[in-house]
Amino acid sequence: MIGLKKAQLVLPLVLLAIVSCSQVKEQIEIDIPLEGQTEILSEYRNRLAWTRVIVEDLGEGGSIPVDTKVIIIDVDMHKKGAVTVDTADKRKLRVVSGLNIEPPLAPEKIRDRMSDIFWFEDPTLRQIGYIRKWGKKIAAAVIEHEVFIGMPGEAAEESWGMPAKKNVSEIAGKTEEQWVYPAGKRNKYIYIIEGKVSKWED
Protein backbone atom coordinates (compact mmCIF):
# COMPACT_ATOMS: atom_id res chain seq x y z
CA MET A 1 0.00 0.00 0.00
CA ILE A 2 2.80 2.38 0.90
CA GLY A 3 4.62 1.52 -2.35
CA LEU A 4 1.52 2.41 -4.36
CA LYS A 5 1.21 5.79 -2.62
CA LYS A 6 4.87 6.53 -3.33
CA ALA A 7 4.37 5.61 -6.98
CA GLN A 8 1.32 7.91 -7.14
CA LEU A 9 3.43 10.77 -5.76
CA VAL A 10 6.52 10.11 -7.89
CA LEU A 11 4.75 9.57 -11.24
CA PRO A 12 3.47 13.19 -11.58
CA LEU A 13 6.96 14.48 -10.75
CA VAL A 14 8.53 12.28 -13.43
CA LEU A 15 5.95 13.44 -16.00
CA LEU A 16 6.58 17.07 -15.04
CA ALA A 17 10.33 16.59 -15.46
CA ILE A 18 9.86 15.01 -18.91
CA VAL A 19 7.58 17.82 -20.08
CA SER A 20 9.94 20.49 -18.68
CA CYS A 21 12.97 18.93 -20.39
CA SER A 22 11.19 18.75 -23.74
CA GLN A 23 10.15 22.42 -23.42
CA VAL A 24 13.73 23.45 -22.58
CA LYS A 25 15.08 21.42 -25.51
CA GLU A 26 12.54 23.01 -27.87
CA GLN A 27 13.49 26.51 -26.65
CA ILE A 28 17.20 25.80 -27.14
CA GLU A 29 16.58 24.49 -30.65
CA ILE A 30 14.64 27.64 -31.52
CA ASP A 31 17.15 30.09 -30.03
CA ILE A 32 20.52 28.37 -30.55
CA PRO A 33 21.44 26.00 -33.37
CA LEU A 34 22.67 22.80 -31.74
CA GLU A 35 24.87 21.88 -34.71
CA GLY A 36 27.23 23.99 -36.75
CA GLN A 37 28.00 26.72 -34.19
CA THR A 38 31.73 26.03 -34.13
CA GLU A 39 31.78 25.72 -37.92
CA ILE A 40 30.07 29.12 -38.41
CA LEU A 41 32.31 30.89 -35.89
CA SER A 42 35.50 29.46 -37.40
CA GLU A 43 34.27 30.45 -40.88
CA TYR A 44 33.44 34.09 -40.07
CA ARG A 45 35.24 35.25 -36.92
CA ASN A 46 38.13 37.67 -37.69
CA ARG A 47 37.30 37.54 -41.41
CA LEU A 48 37.65 40.59 -43.67
CA ALA A 49 34.55 41.67 -45.60
CA TRP A 50 33.00 44.67 -47.37
CA THR A 51 29.49 45.85 -46.59
CA ARG A 52 26.91 45.25 -49.36
CA VAL A 53 24.26 47.29 -47.54
CA ILE A 54 24.17 49.99 -44.87
CA VAL A 55 24.85 48.08 -41.65
CA GLU A 56 22.78 49.54 -38.81
CA ASP A 57 23.56 49.05 -35.11
CA LEU A 58 20.82 47.50 -32.96
CA GLY A 59 21.40 50.23 -30.38
CA GLU A 60 22.89 53.70 -30.68
CA GLY A 61 26.18 52.61 -32.27
CA GLY A 62 25.50 54.29 -35.60
CA SER A 63 25.78 52.74 -39.04
CA ILE A 64 28.41 51.65 -41.56
CA PRO A 65 28.05 52.76 -45.21
CA VAL A 66 28.01 50.46 -48.24
CA ASP A 67 31.37 49.08 -49.44
CA THR A 68 33.18 49.74 -46.17
CA LYS A 69 35.94 47.32 -45.25
CA VAL A 70 35.15 45.61 -41.94
CA ILE A 71 36.36 42.82 -39.70
CA ILE A 72 33.74 40.35 -38.49
CA ILE A 73 34.21 40.01 -34.74
CA ASP A 74 31.41 37.62 -33.80
CA VAL A 75 28.24 35.91 -35.00
CA ASP A 76 25.48 35.64 -32.39
CA MET A 77 23.30 32.58 -32.98
CA HIS A 78 20.50 33.35 -30.50
CA LYS A 79 16.92 34.15 -31.52
CA LYS A 80 17.10 35.92 -34.93
CA GLY A 81 20.91 36.19 -34.91
CA ALA A 82 23.30 39.14 -35.00
CA VAL A 83 26.74 39.98 -36.32
CA THR A 84 29.36 42.20 -34.69
CA VAL A 85 31.78 44.05 -36.96
CA ASP A 86 34.57 46.63 -36.58
CA THR A 87 35.43 49.02 -39.37
CA ALA A 88 38.93 48.36 -40.66
CA ASP A 89 39.88 52.05 -40.72
CA LYS A 90 41.28 54.41 -38.07
CA ARG A 91 37.93 55.29 -36.50
CA LYS A 92 37.33 51.63 -35.44
CA LEU A 93 33.55 51.87 -35.22
CA ARG A 94 31.93 48.75 -33.74
CA VAL A 95 28.40 47.84 -34.81
CA VAL A 96 26.16 44.97 -33.70
CA SER A 97 23.62 44.41 -36.46
CA GLY A 98 20.65 42.03 -36.44
CA LEU A 99 20.58 39.23 -39.00
CA ASN A 100 16.76 39.02 -38.77
CA ILE A 101 16.62 35.31 -39.59
CA GLU A 102 13.39 33.50 -38.85
CA PRO A 103 14.03 30.79 -36.23
CA PRO A 104 15.07 28.04 -36.04
CA LEU A 105 18.53 29.21 -37.04
CA ALA A 106 20.65 26.94 -39.21
CA PRO A 107 24.13 27.30 -40.77
CA GLU A 108 22.64 27.60 -44.29
CA LYS A 109 20.34 30.44 -43.21
CA ILE A 110 23.23 32.27 -41.54
CA ARG A 111 25.48 31.88 -44.62
CA ASP A 112 22.71 33.15 -46.92
CA ARG A 113 22.12 36.20 -44.75
CA MET A 114 25.84 36.96 -44.40
CA SER A 115 26.11 36.86 -48.21
CA ASP A 116 23.25 39.39 -48.40
CA ILE A 117 25.08 41.78 -46.04
CA PHE A 118 28.75 41.33 -47.00
CA TRP A 119 31.06 40.82 -49.94
CA PHE A 120 34.02 38.60 -49.16
CA GLU A 121 36.09 39.54 -52.22
CA ASP A 122 38.33 42.58 -52.57
CA PRO A 123 36.67 45.31 -54.74
CA THR A 124 39.36 44.93 -57.42
CA LEU A 125 38.67 41.20 -57.77
CA ARG A 126 34.94 41.89 -57.77
CA GLN A 127 35.34 44.39 -60.61
CA ILE A 128 37.25 41.86 -62.70
CA GLY A 129 34.41 39.40 -62.16
CA TYR A 130 31.81 42.02 -63.13
CA ILE A 131 33.70 42.88 -66.34
CA ARG A 132 33.80 39.20 -67.31
CA LYS A 133 30.10 38.80 -66.57
CA TRP A 134 28.58 42.05 -67.89
CA GLY A 135 31.26 44.12 -69.63
CA LYS A 136 33.04 47.34 -68.65
CA LYS A 137 30.03 49.72 -68.64
CA ILE A 138 27.94 47.68 -66.22
CA ALA A 139 30.99 46.75 -64.12
CA ALA A 140 31.88 50.44 -63.67
CA ALA A 141 28.30 51.26 -62.63
CA VAL A 142 28.18 48.40 -60.12
CA ILE A 143 31.48 49.42 -58.51
CA GLU A 144 30.20 53.02 -58.21
CA HIS A 145 26.84 51.76 -56.84
CA GLU A 146 24.93 53.30 -59.74
CA VAL A 147 22.04 51.97 -61.84
CA PHE A 148 20.80 52.89 -65.31
CA ILE A 149 17.85 52.08 -67.56
CA GLY A 150 18.29 48.70 -69.21
CA MET A 151 20.74 47.43 -66.59
CA PRO A 152 20.15 43.74 -65.73
CA GLY A 153 18.32 43.29 -62.44
CA GLU A 154 21.07 41.01 -61.15
CA ALA A 155 23.63 43.77 -61.72
CA ALA A 156 21.34 46.37 -60.10
CA GLU A 157 21.05 44.19 -57.01
CA GLU A 158 24.82 43.80 -56.92
CA SER A 159 25.12 47.60 -57.22
CA TRP A 160 22.59 48.66 -54.56
CA GLY A 161 22.52 45.48 -52.52
CA MET A 162 19.64 43.26 -51.47
CA PRO A 163 16.40 45.30 -51.22
CA ALA A 164 14.49 45.30 -47.94
CA LYS A 165 11.33 44.44 -49.87
CA LYS A 166 10.20 43.55 -53.39
CA ASN A 167 6.68 44.60 -54.43
CA VAL A 168 5.40 42.82 -57.53
CA SER A 169 2.57 44.07 -59.76
CA GLU A 170 1.20 43.58 -63.29
CA ILE A 171 1.35 46.58 -65.65
CA ALA A 172 0.08 46.26 -69.25
CA GLY A 173 0.58 42.51 -69.13
CA LYS A 174 4.14 42.80 -67.86
CA THR A 175 5.46 42.02 -64.41
CA GLU A 176 7.00 45.03 -62.63
CA GLU A 177 9.01 44.73 -59.45
CA GLN A 178 9.51 47.66 -57.10
CA TRP A 179 12.60 47.18 -54.98
CA VAL A 180 12.53 49.13 -51.71
CA TYR A 181 15.71 50.41 -50.05
CA PRO A 182 15.34 52.20 -46.68
CA ALA A 183 17.53 55.32 -46.60
CA GLY A 184 17.09 57.15 -43.30
CA LYS A 185 13.67 58.83 -43.16
CA ARG A 186 12.85 58.03 -46.78
CA ASN A 187 13.16 55.13 -49.20
CA LYS A 188 15.01 54.62 -52.48
CA TYR A 189 13.48 52.49 -55.24
CA ILE A 190 14.49 50.50 -58.29
CA TYR A 191 11.83 49.37 -60.77
CA ILE A 192 12.45 46.19 -62.75
CA ILE A 193 10.44 45.13 -65.83
CA GLU A 194 11.24 41.84 -67.55
CA GLY A 195 14.50 41.50 -65.63
CA LYS A 196 15.88 44.98 -66.43
CA VAL A 197 15.88 48.39 -64.73
CA SER A 198 13.06 50.58 -66.08
CA LYS A 199 13.58 53.50 -63.66
CA TRP A 200 14.81 54.33 -60.17
CA GLU A 201 14.32 56.90 -57.44
CA ASP A 202 17.15 57.88 -55.13
C-alpha atoms as a PDB file:
ATOM      1  CA  MET A   1       0.000   0.000   0.000  1.00  0.00           C
ATOM      2  CA  ILE A   2       2.803   2.384   0.900  1.00  0.00           C
ATOM      3  CA  GLY A   3       4.622   1.520  -2.345  1.00  0.00           C
ATOM      4  CA  LEU A   4       1.521   2.414  -4.356  1.00  0.00           C
ATOM      5  CA  LYS A   5       1.212   5.788  -2.617  1.00  0.00           C
ATOM      6  CA  LYS A   6       4.867   6.533  -3.331  1.00  0.00           C
ATOM      7  CA  ALA A   7       4.372   5.612  -6.978  1.00  0.00           C
ATOM      8  CA  GLN A   8       1.325   7.907  -7.141  1.00  0.00           C
ATOM      9  CA  LEU A   9       3.430  10.765  -5.763  1.00  0.00           C
ATOM     10  CA  VAL A  10       6.524  10.114  -7.891  1.00  0.00           C
ATOM     11  CA  LEU A  11       4.751   9.573 -11.237  1.00  0.00           C
ATOM     12  CA  PRO A  12       3.474  13.187 -11.575  1.00  0.00           C
ATOM     13  CA  LEU A  13       6.964  14.477 -10.745  1.00  0.00           C
ATOM     14  CA  VAL A  14       8.528  12.277 -13.432  1.00  0.00           C
ATOM     15  CA  LEU A  15       5.950  13.439 -16.001  1.00  0.00           C
ATOM     16  CA  LEU A  16       6.578  17.074 -15.038  1.00  0.00           C
ATOM     17  CA  ALA A  17      10.330  16.594 -15.458  1.00  0.00           C
ATOM     18  CA  ILE A  18       9.862  15.006 -18.910  1.00  0.00           C
ATOM     19  CA  VAL A  19       7.580  17.824 -20.078  1.00  0.00           C
ATOM     20  CA  SER A  20       9.941  20.487 -18.683  1.00  0.00           C
ATOM     21  CA  CYS A  21      12.966  18.927 -20.394  1.00  0.00           C
ATOM     22  CA  SER A  22      11.194  18.755 -23.737  1.00  0.00           C
ATOM     23  CA  GLN A  23      10.152  22.418 -23.424  1.00  0.00           C
ATOM     24  CA  VAL A  24      13.728  23.446 -22.576  1.00  0.00           C
ATOM     25  CA  LYS A  25      15.079  21.418 -25.514  1.00  0.00           C
ATOM     26  CA  GLU A  26      12.536  23.008 -27.867  1.00  0.00           C
ATOM     27  CA  GLN A  27      13.495  26.515 -26.653  1.00  0.00           C
ATOM     28  CA  ILE A  28      17.202  25.804 -27.144  1.00  0.00           C
ATOM     29  CA  GLU A  29      16.576  24.488 -30.654  1.00  0.00           C
ATOM     30  CA  ILE A  30      14.636  27.642 -31.520  1.00  0.00           C
ATOM     31  CA  ASP A  31      17.155  30.093 -30.029  1.00  0.00           C
ATOM     32  CA  ILE A  32      20.517  28.373 -30.551  1.00  0.00           C
ATOM     33  CA  PRO A  33      21.435  25.998 -33.373  1.00  0.00           C
ATOM     34  CA  LEU A  34      22.666  22.803 -31.736  1.00  0.00           C
ATOM     35  CA  GLU A  35      24.874  21.876 -34.708  1.00  0.00           C
ATOM     36  CA  GLY A  36      27.228  23.986 -36.748  1.00  0.00           C
ATOM     37  CA  GLN A  37      27.997  26.723 -34.189  1.00  0.00           C
ATOM     38  CA  THR A  38      31.730  26.032 -34.126  1.00  0.00           C
ATOM     39  CA  GLU A  39      31.778  25.725 -37.916  1.00  0.00           C
ATOM     40  CA  ILE A  40      30.070  29.115 -38.409  1.00  0.00           C
ATOM     41  CA  LEU A  41      32.309  30.892 -35.894  1.00  0.00           C
ATOM     42  CA  SER A  42      35.504  29.465 -37.401  1.00  0.00           C
ATOM     43  CA  GLU A  43      34.269  30.455 -40.876  1.00  0.00           C
ATOM     44  CA  TYR A  44      33.445  34.091 -40.074  1.00  0.00           C
ATOM     45  CA  ARG A  45      35.242  35.254 -36.918  1.00  0.00           C
ATOM     46  CA  ASN A  46      38.127  37.675 -37.688  1.00  0.00           C
ATOM     47  CA  ARG A  47      37.296  37.538 -41.412  1.00  0.00           C
ATOM     48  CA  LEU A  48      37.647  40.592 -43.671  1.00  0.00           C
ATOM     49  CA  ALA A  49      34.548  41.674 -45.595  1.00  0.00           C
ATOM     50  CA  TRP A  50      33.002  44.670 -47.374  1.00  0.00           C
ATOM     51  CA  THR A  51      29.486  45.845 -46.595  1.00  0.00           C
ATOM     52  CA  ARG A  52      26.910  45.255 -49.360  1.00  0.00           C
ATOM     53  CA  VAL A  53      24.259  47.292 -47.543  1.00  0.00           C
ATOM     54  CA  ILE A  54      24.170  49.992 -44.865  1.00  0.00           C
ATOM     55  CA  VAL A  55      24.851  48.081 -41.655  1.00  0.00           C
ATOM     56  CA  GLU A  56      22.779  49.536 -38.811  1.00  0.00           C
ATOM     57  CA  ASP A  57      23.555  49.051 -35.114  1.00  0.00           C
ATOM     58  CA  LEU A  58      20.825  47.501 -32.963  1.00  0.00           C
ATOM     59  CA  GLY A  59      21.403  50.234 -30.377  1.00  0.00           C
ATOM     60  CA  GLU A  60      22.895  53.699 -30.684  1.00  0.00           C
ATOM     61  CA  GLY A  61      26.182  52.614 -32.271  1.00  0.00           C
ATOM     62  CA  GLY A  62      25.498  54.290 -35.599  1.00  0.00           C
ATOM     63  CA  SER A  63      25.783  52.740 -39.043  1.00  0.00           C
ATOM     64  CA  ILE A  64      28.414  51.651 -41.555  1.00  0.00           C
ATOM     65  CA  PRO A  65      28.046  52.756 -45.212  1.00  0.00           C
ATOM     66  CA  VAL A  66      28.006  50.458 -48.237  1.00  0.00           C
ATOM     67  CA  ASP A  67      31.365  49.083 -49.436  1.00  0.00           C
ATOM     68  CA  THR A  68      33.177  49.741 -46.172  1.00  0.00           C
ATOM     69  CA  LYS A  69      35.943  47.319 -45.254  1.00  0.00           C
ATOM     70  CA  VAL A  70      35.147  45.611 -41.941  1.00  0.00           C
ATOM     71  CA  ILE A  71      36.357  42.816 -39.702  1.00  0.00           C
ATOM     72  CA  ILE A  72      33.743  40.349 -38.486  1.00  0.00           C
ATOM     73  CA  ILE A  73      34.215  40.011 -34.736  1.00  0.00           C
ATOM     74  CA  ASP A  74      31.413  37.624 -33.802  1.00  0.00           C
ATOM     75  CA  VAL A  75      28.236  35.908 -34.998  1.00  0.00           C
ATOM     76  CA  ASP A  76      25.482  35.644 -32.391  1.00  0.00           C
ATOM     77  CA  MET A  77      23.297  32.584 -32.976  1.00  0.00           C
ATOM     78  CA  HIS A  78      20.498  33.350 -30.504  1.00  0.00           C
ATOM     79  CA  LYS A  79      16.918  34.152 -31.519  1.00  0.00           C
ATOM     80  CA  LYS A  80      17.095  35.917 -34.934  1.00  0.00           C
ATOM     81  CA  GLY A  81      20.905  36.186 -34.912  1.00  0.00           C
ATOM     82  CA  ALA A  82      23.298  39.138 -35.003  1.00  0.00           C
ATOM     83  CA  VAL A  83      26.740  39.975 -36.321  1.00  0.00           C
ATOM     84  CA  THR A  84      29.365  42.204 -34.691  1.00  0.00           C
ATOM     85  CA  VAL A  85      31.784  44.055 -36.957  1.00  0.00           C
ATOM     86  CA  ASP A  86      34.570  46.626 -36.578  1.00  0.00           C
ATOM     87  CA  THR A  87      35.432  49.023 -39.374  1.00  0.00           C
ATOM     88  CA  ALA A  88      38.935  48.356 -40.661  1.00  0.00           C
ATOM     89  CA  ASP A  89      39.882  52.052 -40.723  1.00  0.00           C
ATOM     90  CA  LYS A  90      41.280  54.413 -38.074  1.00  0.00           C
ATOM     91  CA  ARG A  91      37.931  55.285 -36.501  1.00  0.00           C
ATOM     92  CA  LYS A  92      37.325  51.634 -35.437  1.00  0.00           C
ATOM     93  CA  LEU A  93      33.546  51.874 -35.223  1.00  0.00           C
ATOM     94  CA  ARG A  94      31.934  48.753 -33.743  1.00  0.00           C
ATOM     95  CA  VAL A  95      28.400  47.836 -34.814  1.00  0.00           C
ATOM     96  CA  VAL A  96      26.160  44.975 -33.701  1.00  0.00           C
ATOM     97  CA  SER A  97      23.621  44.406 -36.459  1.00  0.00           C
ATOM     98  CA  GLY A  98      20.655  42.033 -36.439  1.00  0.00           C
ATOM     99  CA  LEU A  99      20.580  39.229 -39.000  1.00  0.00           C
ATOM    100  CA  ASN A 100      16.762  39.025 -38.775  1.00  0.00           C
ATOM    101  CA  ILE A 101      16.617  35.314 -39.588  1.00  0.00           C
ATOM    102  CA  GLU A 102      13.386  33.499 -38.846  1.00  0.00           C
ATOM    103  CA  PRO A 103      14.029  30.786 -36.232  1.00  0.00           C
ATOM    104  CA  PRO A 104      15.067  28.045 -36.036  1.00  0.00           C
ATOM    105  CA  LEU A 105      18.529  29.206 -37.040  1.00  0.00           C
ATOM    106  CA  ALA A 106      20.655  26.940 -39.209  1.00  0.00           C
ATOM    107  CA  PRO A 107      24.131  27.296 -40.771  1.00  0.00           C
ATOM    108  CA  GLU A 108      22.637  27.599 -44.286  1.00  0.00           C
ATOM    109  CA  LYS A 109      20.345  30.445 -43.211  1.00  0.00           C
ATOM    110  CA  ILE A 110      23.233  32.273 -41.542  1.00  0.00           C
ATOM    111  CA  ARG A 111      25.477  31.885 -44.618  1.00  0.00           C
ATOM    112  CA  ASP A 112      22.715  33.145 -46.921  1.00  0.00           C
ATOM    113  CA  ARG A 113      22.124  36.201 -44.754  1.00  0.00           C
ATOM    114  CA  MET A 114      25.837  36.963 -44.402  1.00  0.00           C
ATOM    115  CA  SER A 115      26.113  36.864 -48.214  1.00  0.00           C
ATOM    116  CA  ASP A 116      23.254  39.390 -48.402  1.00  0.00           C
ATOM    117  CA  ILE A 117      25.077  41.779 -46.044  1.00  0.00           C
ATOM    118  CA  PHE A 118      28.750  41.332 -47.002  1.00  0.00           C
ATOM    119  CA  TRP A 119      31.060  40.820 -49.942  1.00  0.00           C
ATOM    120  CA  PHE A 120      34.022  38.600 -49.163  1.00  0.00           C
ATOM    121  CA  GLU A 121      36.091  39.539 -52.216  1.00  0.00           C
ATOM    122  CA  ASP A 122      38.330  42.577 -52.566  1.00  0.00           C
ATOM    123  CA  PRO A 123      36.669  45.311 -54.736  1.00  0.00           C
ATOM    124  CA  THR A 124      39.357  44.927 -57.425  1.00  0.00           C
ATOM    125  CA  LEU A 125      38.672  41.200 -57.766  1.00  0.00           C
ATOM    126  CA  ARG A 126      34.941  41.893 -57.770  1.00  0.00           C
ATOM    127  CA  GLN A 127      35.339  44.393 -60.610  1.00  0.00           C
ATOM    128  CA  ILE A 128      37.247  41.865 -62.703  1.00  0.00           C
ATOM    129  CA  GLY A 129      34.408  39.399 -62.159  1.00  0.00           C
ATOM    130  CA  TYR A 130      31.810  42.023 -63.135  1.00  0.00           C
ATOM    131  CA  ILE A 131      33.699  42.876 -66.344  1.00  0.00           C
ATOM    132  CA  ARG A 132      33.800  39.197 -67.314  1.00  0.00           C
ATOM    133  CA  LYS A 133      30.104  38.800 -66.569  1.00  0.00           C
ATOM    134  CA  TRP A 134      28.579  42.054 -67.893  1.00  0.00           C
ATOM    135  CA  GLY A 135      31.263  44.117 -69.631  1.00  0.00           C
ATOM    136  CA  LYS A 136      33.042  47.343 -68.647  1.00  0.00           C
ATOM    137  CA  LYS A 137      30.029  49.725 -68.640  1.00  0.00           C
ATOM    138  CA  ILE A 138      27.942  47.678 -66.219  1.00  0.00           C
ATOM    139  CA  ALA A 139      30.990  46.746 -64.121  1.00  0.00           C
ATOM    140  CA  ALA A 140      31.884  50.435 -63.668  1.00  0.00           C
ATOM    141  CA  ALA A 141      28.296  51.256 -62.629  1.00  0.00           C
ATOM    142  CA  VAL A 142      28.175  48.403 -60.119  1.00  0.00           C
ATOM    143  CA  ILE A 143      31.475  49.416 -58.510  1.00  0.00           C
ATOM    144  CA  GLU A 144      30.197  53.023 -58.211  1.00  0.00           C
ATOM    145  CA  HIS A 145      26.839  51.763 -56.845  1.00  0.00           C
ATOM    146  CA  GLU A 146      24.935  53.296 -59.743  1.00  0.00           C
ATOM    147  CA  VAL A 147      22.043  51.970 -61.839  1.00  0.00           C
ATOM    148  CA  PHE A 148      20.802  52.889 -65.313  1.00  0.00           C
ATOM    149  CA  ILE A 149      17.848  52.075 -67.556  1.00  0.00           C
ATOM    150  CA  GLY A 150      18.294  48.695 -69.213  1.00  0.00           C
ATOM    151  CA  MET A 151      20.741  47.430 -66.589  1.00  0.00           C
ATOM    152  CA  PRO A 152      20.152  43.736 -65.735  1.00  0.00           C
ATOM    153  CA  GLY A 153      18.323  43.286 -62.442  1.00  0.00           C
ATOM    154  CA  GLU A 154      21.071  41.007 -61.151  1.00  0.00           C
ATOM    155  CA  ALA A 155      23.633  43.773 -61.718  1.00  0.00           C
ATOM    156  CA  ALA A 156      21.338  46.370 -60.095  1.00  0.00           C
ATOM    157  CA  GLU A 157      21.052  44.188 -57.010  1.00  0.00           C
ATOM    158  CA  GLU A 158      24.820  43.796 -56.922  1.00  0.00           C
ATOM    159  CA  SER A 159      25.121  47.599 -57.218  1.00  0.00           C
ATOM    160  CA  TRP A 160      22.594  48.659 -54.558  1.00  0.00           C
ATOM    161  CA  GLY A 161      22.517  45.476 -52.516  1.00  0.00           C
ATOM    162  CA  MET A 162      19.638  43.258 -51.471  1.00  0.00           C
ATOM    163  CA  PRO A 163      16.398  45.303 -51.217  1.00  0.00           C
ATOM    164  CA  ALA A 164      14.489  45.298 -47.940  1.00  0.00           C
ATOM    165  CA  LYS A 165      11.334  44.443 -49.870  1.00  0.00           C
ATOM    166  CA  LYS A 166      10.202  43.551 -53.392  1.00  0.00           C
ATOM    167  CA  ASN A 167       6.685  44.603 -54.427  1.00  0.00           C
ATOM    168  CA  VAL A 168       5.400  42.815 -57.532  1.00  0.00           C
ATOM    169  CA  SER A 169       2.565  44.070 -59.758  1.00  0.00           C
ATOM    170  CA  GLU A 170       1.203  43.581 -63.292  1.00  0.00           C
ATOM    171  CA  ILE A 171       1.355  46.582 -65.654  1.00  0.00           C
ATOM    172  CA  ALA A 172       0.081  46.265 -69.253  1.00  0.00           C
ATOM    173  CA  GLY A 173       0.577  42.514 -69.126  1.00  0.00           C
ATOM    174  CA  LYS A 174       4.139  42.803 -67.862  1.00  0.00           C
ATOM    175  CA  THR A 175       5.458  42.019 -64.406  1.00  0.00           C
ATOM    176  CA  GLU A 176       7.002  45.026 -62.628  1.00  0.00           C
ATOM    177  CA  GLU A 177       9.013  44.729 -59.446  1.00  0.00           C
ATOM    178  CA  GLN A 178       9.506  47.657 -57.104  1.00  0.00           C
ATOM    179  CA  TRP A 179      12.597  47.182 -54.977  1.00  0.00           C
ATOM    180  CA  VAL A 180      12.530  49.133 -51.714  1.00  0.00           C
ATOM    181  CA  TYR A 181      15.714  50.408 -50.046  1.00  0.00           C
ATOM    182  CA  PRO A 182      15.337  52.205 -46.683  1.00  0.00           C
ATOM    183  CA  ALA A 183      17.529  55.322 -46.603  1.00  0.00           C
ATOM    184  CA  GLY A 184      17.094  57.151 -43.302  1.00  0.00           C
ATOM    185  CA  LYS A 185      13.670  58.832 -43.156  1.00  0.00           C
ATOM    186  CA  ARG A 186      12.849  58.026 -46.780  1.00  0.00           C
ATOM    187  CA  ASN A 187      13.156  55.134 -49.201  1.00  0.00           C
ATOM    188  CA  LYS A 188      15.008  54.616 -52.476  1.00  0.00           C
ATOM    189  CA  TYR A 189      13.478  52.494 -55.238  1.00  0.00           C
ATOM    190  CA  ILE A 190      14.487  50.502 -58.287  1.00  0.00           C
ATOM    191  CA  TYR A 191      11.828  49.371 -60.765  1.00  0.00           C
ATOM    192  CA  ILE A 192      12.445  46.185 -62.750  1.00  0.00           C
ATOM    193  CA  ILE A 193      10.441  45.129 -65.829  1.00  0.00           C
ATOM    194  CA  GLU A 194      11.236  41.841 -67.554  1.00  0.00           C
ATOM    195  CA  GLY A 195      14.504  41.505 -65.626  1.00  0.00           C
ATOM    196  CA  LYS A 196      15.880  44.980 -66.432  1.00  0.00           C
ATOM    197  CA  VAL A 197      15.878  48.389 -64.728  1.00  0.00           C
ATOM    198  CA  SER A 198      13.058  50.576 -66.083  1.00  0.00           C
ATOM    199  CA  LYS A 199      13.585  53.497 -63.661  1.00  0.00           C
ATOM    200  CA  TRP A 200      14.809  54.326 -60.172  1.00  0.00           C
ATOM    201  CA  GLU A 201      14.318  56.903 -57.438  1.00  0.00           C
ATOM    202  CA  ASP A 202      17.147  57.879 -55.128  1.00  0.00           C
END
